[in-house]
């Protein structure tokens, strides 16, 4: 039975190209310089999106709310 398990593990290693890169669950993978660079770049892009997407969207929403309140509360036409 031990030979069958060894054979199974050996065929698994040969058939799986990512076998050498696998980590055990629960153990953190050490971050490489490439991963760190990609993470920092993603954070920079997220910061840029805040100024180019989120803030203008919030400004438009606030403007619509103010406009709605103004139209809903203005006095009627004087006759």
PDB file of N, CA and C in Angstrom:
ATOM      1  N   UNK A   1       0.817  -1.191   0.000  1.00  0.00           N
ATOM      2  CA  UNK A   1       0.000   0.000   0.000  1.00  0.00           C
ATOM      3  C   UNK A   1       0.868   1.265   0.000  1.00  0.00           C
ATOM      4  N   UNK A   2       1.975   1.267   0.700  1.00  0.00           N
ATOM      5  CA  UNK A   2       2.867   2.416   0.726  1.00  0.00           C
ATOM      6  C   UNK A   2       3.421   2.694  -0.665  1.00  0.00           C
ATOM      7  N   UNK A   3       3.653   1.667  -1.445  1.00  0.00           N
ATOM      8  CA  UNK A   3       4.147   1.858  -2.803  1.00  0.00           C
ATOM      9  C   UNK A   3       3.100   2.547  -3.674  1.00  0.00           C
ATOM     10  N   UNK A   4       1.835   2.225  -3.471  1.00  0.00           N
ATOM     11  CA  UNK A   4       0.779   2.868  -4.251  1.00  0.00           C
ATOM     12  C   UNK A   4       0.712   4.365  -3.955  1.00  0.00           C
ATOM     13  N   UNK A   5       0.858   4.742  -2.706  1.00  0.00           N
ATOM     14  CA  UNK A   5       0.825   6.157  -2.328  1.00  0.00           C
ATOM     15  C   UNK A   5       2.022   6.886  -2.929  1.00  0.00           C
ATOM     16  N   UNK A   6       3.187   6.274  -2.862  1.00  0.00           N
ATOM     17  CA  UNK A   6       4.377   6.897  -3.455  1.00  0.00           C
ATOM     18  C   UNK A   6       4.212   7.084  -4.955  1.00  0.00           C
ATOM     19  N   UNK A   7       3.659   6.066  -5.611  1.00  0.00           N
ATOM     20  CA  UNK A   7       3.450   6.147  -7.052  1.00  0.00           C
ATOM     21  C   UNK A   7       2.449   7.270  -7.370  1.00  0.00           C
ATOM     22  N   UNK A   8       1.394   7.363  -6.570  1.00  0.00           N
ATOM     23  CA  UNK A   8       0.397   8.406  -6.767  1.00  0.00           C
ATOM     24  C   UNK A   8       1.014   9.791  -6.582  1.00  0.00           C
ATOM     25  N   UNK A   9       1.822   9.945  -5.558  1.00  0.00           N
ATOM     26  CA  UNK A   9       2.473  11.227  -5.316  1.00  0.00           C
ATOM     27  C   UNK A   9       3.446  11.568  -6.437  1.00  0.00           C
ATOM     28  N   UNK A  10       4.165  10.572  -6.918  1.00  0.00           N
ATOM     29  CA  UNK A  10       5.129  10.822  -7.982  1.00  0.00           C
ATOM     30  C   UNK A  10       4.412  11.243  -9.263  1.00  0.00           C
ATOM     31  N   UNK A  11       3.326  10.606  -9.628  1.00  0.00           N
ATOM     32  CA  UNK A  11       2.593  10.990 -10.839  1.00  0.00           C
ATOM     33  C   UNK A  11       1.969  12.361 -10.646  1.00  0.00           C
ATOM     34  N   UNK A  12       1.583  12.672  -9.417  1.00  0.00           N
ATOM     35  CA  UNK A  12       1.007  13.991  -9.140  1.00  0.00           C
ATOM     36  C   UNK A  12       2.066  15.075  -9.367  1.00  0.00           C
ATOM     37  N   UNK A  13       3.279  14.837  -8.920  1.00  0.00           N
ATOM     38  CA  UNK A  13       4.354  15.807  -9.100  1.00  0.00           C
ATOM     39  C   UNK A  13       4.650  16.025 -10.578  1.00  0.00           C
ATOM     40  N   UNK A  14       4.650  14.979 -11.344  1.00  0.00           N
ATOM     41  CA  UNK A  14       4.988  15.073 -12.758  1.00  0.00           C
ATOM     42  C   UNK A  14       3.889  15.795 -13.526  1.00  0.00           C
ATOM     43  N   UNK A  15       2.636  15.523 -13.174  1.00  0.00           N
ATOM     44  CA  UNK A  15       1.518  16.094 -13.926  1.00  0.00           C
ATOM     45  C   UNK A  15       1.168  17.517 -13.519  1.00  0.00           C
ATOM     46  N   UNK A  16       1.631  17.980 -12.381  1.00  0.00           N
ATOM     47  CA  UNK A  16       1.248  19.289 -11.883  1.00  0.00           C
ATOM     48  C   UNK A  16       2.440  20.252 -11.944  1.00  0.00           C
ATOM     49  N   UNK A  17       2.432  21.205 -12.886  1.00  0.00           N
ATOM     50  CA  UNK A  17       3.577  22.113 -13.006  1.00  0.00           C
ATOM     51  C   UNK A  17       3.722  23.056 -11.817  1.00  0.00           C
ATOM     52  N   UNK A  18       2.646  23.311 -11.084  1.00  0.00           N
ATOM     53  CA  UNK A  18       2.699  24.222  -9.944  1.00  0.00           C
ATOM     54  C   UNK A  18       2.985  23.502  -8.637  1.00  0.00           C
ATOM     55  N   UNK A  19       3.324  22.242  -8.705  1.00  0.00           N
ATOM     56  CA  UNK A  19       3.512  21.466  -7.484  1.00  0.00           C
ATOM     57  C   UNK A  19       4.612  22.052  -6.611  1.00  0.00           C
ATOM     58  N   UNK A  20       5.690  22.500  -7.222  1.00  0.00           N
ATOM     59  CA  UNK A  20       6.823  23.020  -6.451  1.00  0.00           C
ATOM     60  C   UNK A  20       6.480  24.347  -5.784  1.00  0.00           C
ATOM     61  N   UNK A  21       5.500  25.082  -6.298  1.00  0.00           N
ATOM     62  CA  UNK A  21       5.157  26.395  -5.761  1.00  0.00           C
ATOM     63  C   UNK A  21       4.056  26.341  -4.700  1.00  0.00           C
ATOM     64  N   UNK A  22       3.498  25.178  -4.453  1.00  0.00           N
ATOM     65  CA  UNK A  22       2.392  25.085  -3.501  1.00  0.00           C
ATOM     66  C   UNK A  22       2.861  25.319  -2.079  1.00  0.00           C
ATOM     67  N   UNK A  23       1.974  25.915  -1.307  1.00  0.00           N
ATOM     68  CA  UNK A  23       2.220  26.152   0.114  1.00  0.00           C
ATOM     69  C   UNK A  23       1.164  25.411   0.912  1.00  0.00           C
ATOM     70  N   UNK A  24       1.504  25.051   2.127  1.00  0.00           N
ATOM     71  CA  UNK A  24       0.515  24.445   2.998  1.00  0.00           C
ATOM     72  C   UNK A  24      -0.498  25.494   3.405  1.00  0.00           C
ATOM     73  N   UNK A  25      -1.750  25.054   3.570  1.00  0.00           N
ATOM     74  CA  UNK A  25      -2.784  25.992   3.977  1.00  0.00           C
ATOM     75  C   UNK A  25      -2.484  26.506   5.375  1.00  0.00           C
ATOM     76  N   UNK A  26      -2.740  27.786   5.583  1.00  0.00           N
ATOM     77  CA  UNK A  26      -2.529  28.370   6.893  1.00  0.00           C
ATOM     78  C   UNK A  26      -1.169  28.998   7.076  1.00  0.00           C
ATOM     79  N   UNK A  27      -0.232  28.681   6.225  1.00  0.00           N
ATOM     80  CA  UNK A  27       1.095  29.290   6.330  1.00  0.00           C
ATOM     81  C   UNK A  27       1.187  30.419   5.313  1.00  0.00           C
ATOM     82  N   UNK A  28       1.564  31.606   5.752  1.00  0.00           N
ATOM     83  CA  UNK A  28       1.645  32.717   4.806  1.00  0.00           C
ATOM     84  C   UNK A  28       2.810  32.540   3.837  1.00  0.00           C
ATOM     85  N   UNK A  29       2.567  32.952   2.613  1.00  0.00           N
ATOM     86  CA  UNK A  29       3.605  32.891   1.591  1.00  0.00           C
ATOM     87  C   UNK A  29       4.450  34.151   1.701  1.00  0.00           C
ATOM     88  N   UNK A  30       5.735  33.991   1.642  1.00  0.00           N
ATOM     89  CA  UNK A  30       6.623  35.157   1.718  1.00  0.00           C
ATOM     90  C   UNK A  30       6.453  35.971   0.444  1.00  0.00           C
ATOM     91  N   UNK A  31       6.296  37.274   0.609  1.00  0.00           N
ATOM     92  CA  UNK A  31       6.054  38.162  -0.512  1.00  0.00           C
ATOM     93  C   UNK A  31       7.362  38.464  -1.244  1.00  0.00           C
ATOM     94  N   UNK A  32       7.359  38.240  -2.545  1.00  0.00           N
ATOM     95  CA  UNK A  32       8.554  38.528  -3.341  1.00  0.00           C
ATOM     96  C   UNK A  32       8.562  40.005  -3.715  1.00  0.00           C
ATOM     97  N   UNK A  33       9.679  40.476  -4.229  1.00  0.00           N
ATOM     98  CA  UNK A  33       9.774  41.887  -4.618  1.00  0.00           C
ATOM     99  C   UNK A  33       8.787  42.207  -5.724  1.00  0.00           C
ATOM    100  N   UNK A  34       8.532  41.226  -6.592  1.00  0.00           N
ATOM    101  CA  UNK A  34       7.594  41.427  -7.690  1.00  0.00           C
ATOM    102  C   UNK A  34       6.169  41.580  -7.161  1.00  0.00           C
ATOM    103  N   UNK A  35       5.799  40.722  -6.195  1.00  0.00           N
ATOM    104  CA  UNK A  35       4.472  40.820  -5.582  1.00  0.00           C
ATOM    105  C   UNK A  35       4.302  42.154  -4.866  1.00  0.00           C
ATOM    106  N   UNK A  36       5.350  42.587  -4.171  1.00  0.00           N
ATOM    107  CA  UNK A  36       5.297  43.844  -3.432  1.00  0.00           C
ATOM    108  C   UNK A  36       5.110  45.021  -4.399  1.00  0.00           C
ATOM    109  N   UNK A  37       5.815  44.980  -5.517  1.00  0.00           N
ATOM    110  CA  UNK A  37       5.711  46.039  -6.514  1.00  0.00           C
ATOM    111  C   UNK A  37       4.300  46.080  -7.105  1.00  0.00           C
ATOM    112  N   UNK A  38       3.736  44.908  -7.417  1.00  0.00           N
ATOM    113  CA  UNK A  38       2.390  44.845  -7.965  1.00  0.00           C
ATOM    114  C   UNK A  38       1.360  45.352  -6.955  1.00  0.00           C
ATOM    115  N   UNK A  39       1.539  45.001  -5.686  1.00  0.00           N
ATOM    116  CA  UNK A  39       0.610  45.441  -4.643  1.00  0.00           C
ATOM    117  C   UNK A  39       0.659  46.955  -4.487  1.00  0.00           C
ATOM    118  N   UNK A  40       1.862  47.523  -4.485  1.00  0.00           N
ATOM    119  CA  UNK A  40       1.996  48.971  -4.359  1.00  0.00           C
ATOM    120  C   UNK A  40       1.389  49.690  -5.567  1.00  0.00           C
ATOM    121  N   UNK A  41       1.567  49.124  -6.746  1.00  0.00           N
ATOM    122  CA  UNK A  41       1.000  49.733  -7.947  1.00  0.00           C
ATOM    123  C   UNK A  41      -0.526  49.685  -7.905  1.00  0.00           C
ATOM    124  N   UNK A  42      -1.084  48.588  -7.415  1.00  0.00           N
ATOM    125  CA  UNK A  42      -2.536  48.475  -7.305  1.00  0.00           C
ATOM    126  C   UNK A  42      -3.086  49.486  -6.303  1.00  0.00           C
ATOM    127  N   UNK A  43      -2.367  49.693  -5.198  1.00  0.00           N
ATOM    128  CA  UNK A  43      -2.803  50.685  -4.214  1.00  0.00           C
ATOM    129  C   UNK A  43      -2.756  52.088  -4.803  1.00  0.00           C
ATOM    130  N   UNK A  44      -1.736  52.398  -5.593  1.00  0.00           N
ATOM    131  CA  UNK A  44      -1.635  53.709  -6.231  1.00  0.00           C
ATOM    132  C   UNK A  44      -2.781  53.924  -7.209  1.00  0.00           C
ATOM    133  N   UNK A  45      -3.119  52.902  -7.983  1.00  0.00           N
ATOM    134  CA  UNK A  45      -4.237  53.008  -8.920  1.00  0.00           C
ATOM    135  C   UNK A  45      -5.542  53.210  -8.172  1.00  0.00           C
ATOM    136  N   UNK A  46      -5.711  52.557  -7.033  1.00  0.00           N
ATOM    137  CA  UNK A  46      -6.927  52.728  -6.230  1.00  0.00           C
ATOM    138  C   UNK A  46      -7.022  54.162  -5.712  1.00  0.00           C
ATOM    139  N   UNK A  47      -5.903  54.734  -5.283  1.00  0.00           N
ATOM    140  CA  UNK A  47      -5.903  56.130  -4.811  1.00  0.00           C
ATOM    141  C   UNK A  47      -6.278  57.083  -5.942  1.00  0.00           C
ATOM    142  N   UNK A  48      -5.779  56.808  -7.144  1.00  0.00           N
ATOM    143  CA  UNK A  48      -6.101  57.662  -8.290  1.00  0.00           C
ATOM    144  C   UNK A  48      -7.582  57.555  -8.647  1.00  0.00           C
ATOM    145  N   UNK A  49      -8.163  56.368  -8.514  1.00  0.00           N
ATOM    146  CA  UNK A  49      -9.575  56.189  -8.824  1.00  0.00           C
ATOM    147  C   UNK A  49     -10.457  56.949  -7.845  1.00  0.00           C
ATOM    148  N   UNK A  50     -10.004  57.101  -6.610  1.00  0.00           N
ATOM    149  CA  UNK A  50     -10.792  57.858  -5.643  1.00  0.00           C
ATOM    150  C   UNK A  50     -10.966  59.287  -6.138  1.00  0.00           C
ATOM    151  N   UNK A  51      -9.913  59.889  -6.633  1.00  0.00           N
ATOM    152  CA  UNK A  51     -10.006  61.279  -7.079  1.00  0.00           C
ATOM    153  C   UNK A  51     -10.677  61.425  -8.436  1.00  0.00           C
ATOM    154  N   UNK A  52     -10.596  60.417  -9.291  1.00  0.00           N
ATOM    155  CA  UNK A  52     -11.151  60.554 -10.637  1.00  0.00           C
ATOM    156  C   UNK A  52     -12.551  59.973 -10.784  1.00  0.00           C
ATOM    157  N   UNK A  53     -12.963  59.077  -9.894  1.00  0.00           N
ATOM    158  CA  UNK A  53     -14.270  58.433 -10.044  1.00  0.00           C
ATOM    159  C   UNK A  53     -15.175  58.720  -8.850  1.00  0.00           C
ATOM    160  N   UNK A  54     -14.694  58.453  -7.657  1.00  0.00           N
ATOM    161  CA  UNK A  54     -15.543  58.512  -6.471  1.00  0.00           C
ATOM    162  C   UNK A  54     -15.945  59.949  -6.145  1.00  0.00           C
ATOM    163  N   UNK A  55     -15.006  60.863  -6.088  1.00  0.00           N
ATOM    164  CA  UNK A  55     -15.337  62.240  -5.713  1.00  0.00           C
ATOM    165  C   UNK A  55     -16.291  62.922  -6.695  1.00  0.00           C
ATOM    166  N   UNK A  56     -16.084  62.825  -8.010  1.00  0.00           N
ATOM    167  CA  UNK A  56     -17.066  63.423  -8.924  1.00  0.00           C
ATOM    168  C   UNK A  56     -18.455  62.775  -8.810  1.00  0.00           C
ATOM    169  N   UNK A  57     -18.493  61.482  -8.583  1.00  0.00           N
ATOM    170  CA  UNK A  57     -19.783  60.807  -8.420  1.00  0.00           C
ATOM    171  C   UNK A  57     -20.501  61.315  -7.178  1.00  0.00           C
ATOM    172  N   UNK A  58     -19.783  61.453  -6.077  1.00  0.00           N
ATOM    173  CA  UNK A  58     -20.384  61.995  -4.862  1.00  0.00           C
ATOM    174  C   UNK A  58     -20.857  63.425  -5.079  1.00  0.00           C
ATOM    175  N   UNK A  59     -20.091  64.228  -5.789  1.00  0.00           N
ATOM    176  CA  UNK A  59     -20.481  65.608  -6.053  1.00  0.00           C
ATOM    177  C   UNK A  59     -21.781  65.671  -6.848  1.00  0.00           C
ATOM    178  N   UNK A  60     -21.921  64.817  -7.840  1.00  0.00           N
ATOM    179  CA  UNK A  60     -23.145  64.788  -8.645  1.00  0.00           C
ATOM    180  C   UNK A  60     -24.331  64.351  -7.788  1.00  0.00           C
ATOM    181  N   UNK A  61     -24.143  63.342  -6.954  1.00  0.00           N
ATOM    182  CA  UNK A  61     -25.235  62.884  -6.093  1.00  0.00           C
ATOM    183  C   UNK A  61     -25.672  63.980  -5.124  1.00  0.00           C
ATOM    184  N   UNK A  62     -24.731  64.662  -4.518  1.00  0.00           N
ATOM    185  CA  UNK A  62     -25.070  65.742  -3.588  1.00  0.00           C
ATOM    186  C   UNK A  62     -25.787  66.869  -4.327  1.00  0.00           C
ATOM    187  N   UNK A  63     -25.325  67.209  -5.520  1.00  0.00           N
ATOM    188  CA  UNK A  63     -25.978  68.241  -6.323  1.00  0.00           C
ATOM    189  C   UNK A  63     -27.418  67.856  -6.654  1.00  0.00           C
ATOM    190  N   UNK A  64     -27.645  66.588  -7.000  1.00  0.00           N
ATOM    191  CA  UNK A  64     -29.010  66.133  -7.295  1.00  0.00           C
ATOM    192  C   UNK A  64     -29.898  66.202  -6.057  1.00  0.00           C
ATOM    193  N   UNK A  65     -29.380  65.844  -4.909  1.00  0.00           N
ATOM    194  CA  UNK A  65     -30.160  65.912  -3.669  1.00  0.00           C
ATOM    195  C   UNK A  65     -30.521  67.362  -3.346  1.00  0.00           C
ATOM    196  N   UNK A  66     -29.542  68.253  -3.462  1.00  0.00           N
ATOM    197  CA  UNK A  66     -29.806  69.672  -3.193  1.00  0.00           C
ATOM    198  C   UNK A  66     -30.841  70.217  -4.176  1.00  0.00           C
ATOM    199  N   UNK A  67     -30.710  69.880  -5.436  1.00  0.00           N
ATOM    200  CA  UNK A  67     -31.671  70.326  -6.450  1.00  0.00           C
ATOM    201  C   UNK A  67     -33.067  69.794  -6.155  1.00  0.00           C
ATOM    202  N   UNK A  68     -33.172  68.544  -5.768  1.00  0.00           N
ATOM    203  CA  UNK A  68     -34.472  67.946  -5.440  1.00  0.00           C
ATOM    204  C   UNK A  68     -35.104  68.652  -4.249  1.00  0.00           C
ATOM    205  N   UNK A  69     -34.326  68.902  -3.207  1.00  0.00           N
ATOM    206  CA  UNK A  69     -34.853  69.583  -2.021  1.00  0.00           C
ATOM    207  C   UNK A  69     -35.287  71.006  -2.379  1.00  0.00           C
ATOM    208  N   UNK A  70     -34.515  71.694  -3.191  1.00  0.00           N
ATOM    209  CA  UNK A  70     -34.872  73.050  -3.600  1.00  0.00           C
ATOM    210  C   UNK A  70     -36.194  73.061  -4.365  1.00  0.00           C
ATOM    211  N   UNK A  71     -36.324  72.153  -5.326  1.00  0.00           N
ATOM    212  CA  UNK A  71     -37.543  72.111  -6.140  1.00  0.00           C
ATOM    213  C   UNK A  71     -38.741  71.700  -5.287  1.00  0.00           C
ATOM    214  N   UNK A  72     -38.542  70.785  -4.359  1.00  0.00           N
ATOM    215  CA  UNK A  72     -39.652  70.286  -3.543  1.00  0.00           C
ATOM    216  C   UNK A  72     -40.113  71.311  -2.498  1.00  0.00           C
ATOM    217  N   UNK A  73     -39.239  72.216  -2.080  1.00  0.00           N
ATOM    218  CA  UNK A  73     -39.595  73.136  -0.992  1.00  0.00           C
ATOM    219  C   UNK A  73     -39.793  74.578  -1.455  1.00  0.00           C
ATOM    220  N   UNK A  74     -39.660  74.893  -2.719  1.00  0.00           N
ATOM    221  CA  UNK A  74     -39.828  76.275  -3.148  1.00  0.00           C
ATOM    222  C   UNK A  74     -41.303  76.667  -3.075  1.00  0.00           C
ATOM    223  N   UNK A  75     -41.569  77.921  -2.819  1.00  0.00           N
ATOM    224  CA  UNK A  75     -42.960  78.352  -2.719  1.00  0.00           C
ATOM    225  C   UNK A  75     -43.637  78.331  -4.088  1.00  0.00           C
ATOM    226  N   UNK A  76     -44.945  78.160  -4.067  1.00  0.00           N
ATOM    227  CA  UNK A  76     -45.700  78.129  -5.314  1.00  0.00           C
ATOM    228  C   UNK A  76     -45.745  79.497  -5.962  1.00  0.00           C
ATOM    229  N   UNK A  77     -46.215  79.551  -7.170  1.00  0.00           N
ATOM    230  CA  UNK A  77     -46.298  80.820  -7.918  1.00  0.00           C
ATOM    231  C   UNK A  77     -47.328  81.737  -7.243  1.00  0.00           C
ATOM    232  N   UNK A  78     -46.990  83.005  -7.074  1.00  0.00           N
ATOM    233  CA  UNK A  78     -47.872  83.986  -6.456  1.00  0.00           C
ATOM    234  C   UNK A  78     -48.806  84.519  -7.539  1.00  0.00           C
ATOM    235  N   UNK A  79     -50.143  84.527  -7.217  1.00  0.00           N
ATOM    236  CA  UNK A  79     -51.112  85.000  -8.216  1.00  0.00           C
ATOM    237  C   UNK A  79     -51.807  86.251  -7.769  1.00  0.00           C
TER     238      UNK A  79
END
